[in-house]
Amino acid sequence: MMSLLAKDTLKKEILPFLPFPKHGKRFSETLLLGIFNLILYRLETGCQ
C-alpha cells in the first residue's frame, strides 16, 4: 500500500487535530498515521 500523503504533511496538518486520551492506553503516533492513511486509501479506492 502506498502512502497517500507524506508523513511530514500528516504530522503537521492532521495529527494536531486527532484527540489523544488523557487516561488509559495511549496509541503511538505511527499507529494513528497508519490508520489515517488506511482510511484515505479506502476512500480513494472505494469499498466493494
N, C-alpha and C. Protein backbone atom coordinates (compact mmCIF):
# COMPACT_ATOMS: atom_id res chain seq x y z
N MET A 1 0.85 -1.18 0.00
CA MET A 1 0.00 0.00 0.00
C MET A 1 0.89 1.24 0.00
N MET A 2 0.62 2.13 -0.90
CA MET A 2 1.42 3.34 -0.96
C MET A 2 0.80 4.44 -0.11
N SER A 3 1.64 5.30 0.39
CA SER A 3 1.18 6.39 1.24
C SER A 3 0.53 7.47 0.38
N LEU A 4 -0.66 7.91 0.79
CA LEU A 4 -1.37 8.92 0.03
C LEU A 4 -0.84 10.31 0.32
N LEU A 5 -0.43 10.55 1.54
CA LEU A 5 0.15 11.83 1.94
C LEU A 5 1.51 11.57 2.56
N ALA A 6 2.39 12.52 2.43
CA ALA A 6 3.71 12.39 3.03
C ALA A 6 3.58 12.41 4.55
N LYS A 7 4.48 11.71 5.21
CA LYS A 7 4.43 11.61 6.67
C LYS A 7 4.57 12.98 7.33
N ASP A 8 5.40 13.84 6.76
CA ASP A 8 5.56 15.19 7.31
C ASP A 8 4.26 15.98 7.22
N THR A 9 3.56 15.84 6.11
CA THR A 9 2.27 16.54 5.94
C THR A 9 1.26 16.05 6.96
N LEU A 10 1.21 14.74 7.16
CA LEU A 10 0.28 14.19 8.14
C LEU A 10 0.59 14.69 9.55
N LYS A 11 1.87 14.70 9.89
CA LYS A 11 2.26 15.16 11.24
C LYS A 11 1.93 16.62 11.46
N LYS A 12 2.14 17.43 10.43
CA LYS A 12 1.95 18.87 10.57
C LYS A 12 0.49 19.29 10.46
N GLU A 13 -0.26 18.68 9.55
CA GLU A 13 -1.61 19.13 9.24
C GLU A 13 -2.72 18.32 9.91
N ILE A 14 -2.51 17.04 10.15
CA ILE A 14 -3.59 16.17 10.63
C ILE A 14 -3.45 15.81 12.11
N LEU A 15 -2.27 15.41 12.51
CA LEU A 15 -2.05 14.90 13.87
C LEU A 15 -2.47 15.87 14.98
N PRO A 16 -2.27 17.18 14.84
CA PRO A 16 -2.71 18.07 15.92
C PRO A 16 -4.22 18.05 16.17
N PHE A 17 -5.00 17.62 15.18
CA PHE A 17 -6.46 17.61 15.32
C PHE A 17 -7.02 16.27 15.79
N LEU A 18 -6.17 15.24 15.88
CA LEU A 18 -6.63 13.95 16.38
C LEU A 18 -6.59 13.96 17.90
N PRO A 19 -7.67 13.51 18.54
CA PRO A 19 -7.69 13.51 20.01
C PRO A 19 -6.82 12.40 20.59
N PHE A 20 -6.11 12.70 21.66
CA PHE A 20 -5.34 11.72 22.39
C PHE A 20 -6.00 11.50 23.75
N PRO A 21 -6.09 10.26 24.21
CA PRO A 21 -6.72 10.02 25.51
C PRO A 21 -5.89 10.60 26.65
N LYS A 22 -6.57 11.11 27.65
CA LYS A 22 -5.89 11.67 28.81
C LYS A 22 -5.50 10.57 29.81
N HIS A 23 -6.30 9.51 29.86
CA HIS A 23 -6.04 8.39 30.77
C HIS A 23 -6.12 7.09 29.98
N GLY A 24 -5.49 6.08 30.48
CA GLY A 24 -5.57 4.78 29.84
C GLY A 24 -4.52 4.59 28.76
N LYS A 25 -4.83 3.71 27.84
CA LYS A 25 -3.88 3.34 26.79
C LYS A 25 -3.74 4.47 25.77
N ARG A 26 -2.51 4.86 25.51
CA ARG A 26 -2.23 5.91 24.53
C ARG A 26 -1.62 5.25 23.29
N PHE A 27 -2.19 5.56 22.12
CA PHE A 27 -1.71 4.99 20.88
C PHE A 27 -0.50 5.76 20.39
N SER A 28 0.38 5.05 19.71
CA SER A 28 1.57 5.71 19.19
C SER A 28 1.22 6.56 17.97
N GLU A 29 2.05 7.53 17.73
CA GLU A 29 1.86 8.44 16.59
C GLU A 29 1.91 7.66 15.28
N THR A 30 2.78 6.67 15.19
CA THR A 30 2.92 5.88 13.97
C THR A 30 1.65 5.09 13.69
N LEU A 31 1.03 4.53 14.74
CA LEU A 31 -0.19 3.78 14.56
C LEU A 31 -1.32 4.68 14.07
N LEU A 32 -1.46 5.87 14.65
CA LEU A 32 -2.50 6.79 14.22
C LEU A 32 -2.31 7.24 12.77
N LEU A 33 -1.07 7.49 12.38
CA LEU A 33 -0.79 7.90 11.00
C LEU A 33 -1.10 6.75 10.03
N GLY A 34 -0.80 5.53 10.43
CA GLY A 34 -1.11 4.37 9.60
C GLY A 34 -2.60 4.18 9.42
N ILE A 35 -3.35 4.35 10.50
CA ILE A 35 -4.81 4.23 10.43
C ILE A 35 -5.38 5.32 9.53
N PHE A 36 -4.88 6.53 9.67
CA PHE A 36 -5.37 7.63 8.84
C PHE A 36 -5.07 7.38 7.36
N ASN A 37 -3.88 6.89 7.06
CA ASN A 37 -3.53 6.57 5.68
C ASN A 37 -4.43 5.46 5.13
N LEU A 38 -4.76 4.47 5.96
CA LEU A 38 -5.64 3.40 5.53
C LEU A 38 -7.04 3.93 5.22
N ILE A 39 -7.54 4.84 6.05
CA ILE A 39 -8.85 5.44 5.79
C ILE A 39 -8.84 6.20 4.47
N LEU A 40 -7.80 6.99 4.24
CA LEU A 40 -7.70 7.72 2.98
C LEU A 40 -7.61 6.78 1.78
N TYR A 41 -6.88 5.68 1.93
CA TYR A 41 -6.75 4.70 0.86
C TYR A 41 -8.10 4.09 0.52
N ARG A 42 -8.86 3.73 1.54
CA ARG A 42 -10.18 3.14 1.32
C ARG A 42 -11.14 4.14 0.67
N LEU A 43 -11.05 5.40 1.06
CA LEU A 43 -11.89 6.42 0.45
C LEU A 43 -11.54 6.63 -1.01
N GLU A 44 -10.26 6.56 -1.32
CA GLU A 44 -9.81 6.78 -2.70
C GLU A 44 -10.18 5.60 -3.61
N THR A 45 -10.00 4.38 -3.12
CA THR A 45 -10.24 3.21 -3.96
C THR A 45 -11.68 2.75 -3.92
N GLY A 46 -12.40 3.07 -2.86
CA GLY A 46 -13.79 2.65 -2.72
C GLY A 46 -13.89 1.26 -2.10
N CYS A 47 -14.96 1.02 -1.43
CA CYS A 47 -15.20 -0.28 -0.79
C CYS A 47 -16.22 -1.04 -1.62
N GLN A 48 -15.90 -2.28 -1.93
CA GLN A 48 -16.84 -3.09 -2.71
C GLN A 48 -17.18 -4.35 -1.97
